[in-house]
């Protein structure tokens, strides 16, 4: 018998992590675009470093728990989990 409560909790956690990754990617890209025209802005540079570091941490945590996000992602374990569904864009 499948425990739907645990399955839903896992999906909710996965969706929350994916949303956090999307937010961080947006913030890092937005600040990078700003830095293209303001390369000497120390606050923007600090924030870009902060967001990209946090993005790396969240992506690493996601991949450890749910498998690689891309074919170049970090794989752990003895099997190729990248092909397991749902794919990140299907969640």
Protein backbone atom coordinates (compact mmCIF):
# COMPACT_ATOMS: atom_id res chain seq x y z
CA UNK A 1 0.00 0.00 0.00
CA UNK A 2 1.32 3.42 -0.99
CA UNK A 3 1.50 6.05 1.72
CA UNK A 4 0.09 9.02 -0.18
CA UNK A 5 0.85 11.43 2.65
CA UNK A 6 4.59 10.70 2.42
CA UNK A 7 4.47 10.83 -1.38
CA UNK A 8 2.73 14.22 -1.27
CA UNK A 9 5.22 15.54 1.30
CA UNK A 10 8.10 14.46 -0.95
CA UNK A 11 6.51 16.11 -3.99
CA UNK A 12 5.81 19.27 -2.01
CA UNK A 13 9.43 19.43 -0.86
CA UNK A 14 10.65 18.85 -4.41
CA UNK A 15 8.35 21.57 -5.76
CA UNK A 16 9.44 23.98 -3.03
CA UNK A 17 13.09 23.36 -3.83
CA UNK A 18 12.49 23.84 -7.57
CA UNK A 19 10.68 27.11 -6.88
CA UNK A 20 13.58 28.29 -4.71
CA UNK A 21 16.02 27.39 -7.53
CA UNK A 22 13.93 29.37 -10.03
CA UNK A 23 13.83 32.40 -7.74
CA UNK A 24 17.59 32.31 -7.19
CA UNK A 25 18.29 31.86 -10.90
CA UNK A 26 16.09 34.85 -11.71
CA UNK A 27 17.76 37.02 -9.08
CA UNK A 28 21.28 36.04 -10.17
CA UNK A 29 20.48 36.66 -13.85
CA UNK A 30 18.78 39.98 -13.13
CA UNK A 31 21.75 41.23 -11.13
CA UNK A 32 24.17 39.95 -13.79
CA UNK A 33 22.33 42.03 -16.39
CA UNK A 34 22.57 45.06 -14.09
CA UNK A 35 26.30 44.41 -13.64
CA UNK A 36 26.72 44.50 -17.43
CA UNK A 37 25.99 48.23 -17.28
CA UNK A 38 27.25 48.91 -13.73
CA UNK A 39 30.35 46.68 -13.40
CA UNK A 40 31.81 48.60 -10.46
CA UNK A 41 28.74 48.52 -8.22
CA UNK A 42 29.96 46.78 -5.04
CA UNK A 43 26.47 46.09 -3.68
CA UNK A 44 25.31 44.44 -6.91
CA UNK A 45 28.49 42.38 -7.09
CA UNK A 46 28.06 41.26 -3.48
CA UNK A 47 24.44 40.29 -4.11
CA UNK A 48 25.35 38.39 -7.28
CA UNK A 49 27.95 36.39 -5.36
CA UNK A 50 25.45 35.76 -2.56
CA UNK A 51 22.67 34.57 -4.89
CA UNK A 52 24.94 32.37 -7.01
CA UNK A 53 26.43 30.73 -3.92
CA UNK A 54 22.99 30.08 -2.45
CA UNK A 55 21.84 28.75 -5.85
CA UNK A 56 24.74 26.30 -5.90
CA UNK A 57 23.86 25.13 -2.39
CA UNK A 58 20.18 24.61 -3.16
CA UNK A 59 20.94 22.84 -6.46
CA UNK A 60 23.41 20.53 -4.70
CA UNK A 61 20.84 19.73 -2.01
CA UNK A 62 18.17 19.09 -4.65
CA UNK A 63 20.42 16.77 -6.65
CA UNK A 64 21.45 14.83 -3.57
CA UNK A 65 17.82 14.14 -2.72
CA UNK A 66 16.04 13.96 -6.07
CA UNK A 67 18.75 13.30 -8.64
CA UNK A 68 20.47 15.45 -11.25
CA UNK A 69 18.61 18.42 -12.71
CA UNK A 70 20.53 18.23 -15.97
CA UNK A 71 22.59 15.60 -17.71
CA UNK A 72 25.68 17.39 -16.35
CA UNK A 73 24.36 17.35 -12.77
CA UNK A 74 26.00 15.62 -9.85
CA UNK A 75 25.04 11.93 -9.62
CA UNK A 76 25.28 9.93 -6.41
CA UNK A 77 24.60 6.26 -5.90
CA UNK A 78 24.87 3.23 -8.14
CA UNK A 79 22.27 4.07 -10.78
CA UNK A 80 21.58 6.73 -13.38
CA UNK A 81 18.73 8.64 -11.74
CA UNK A 82 18.51 11.38 -14.35
CA UNK A 83 15.97 9.39 -16.36
CA UNK A 84 13.64 8.84 -13.39
CA UNK A 85 10.48 10.91 -13.52
CA UNK A 86 9.02 13.29 -13.11
CA UNK A 87 11.48 15.45 -14.96
CA UNK A 88 12.09 18.86 -13.36
CA UNK A 89 9.86 20.68 -15.86
CA UNK A 90 7.06 18.14 -15.35
CA UNK A 91 6.72 18.77 -11.61
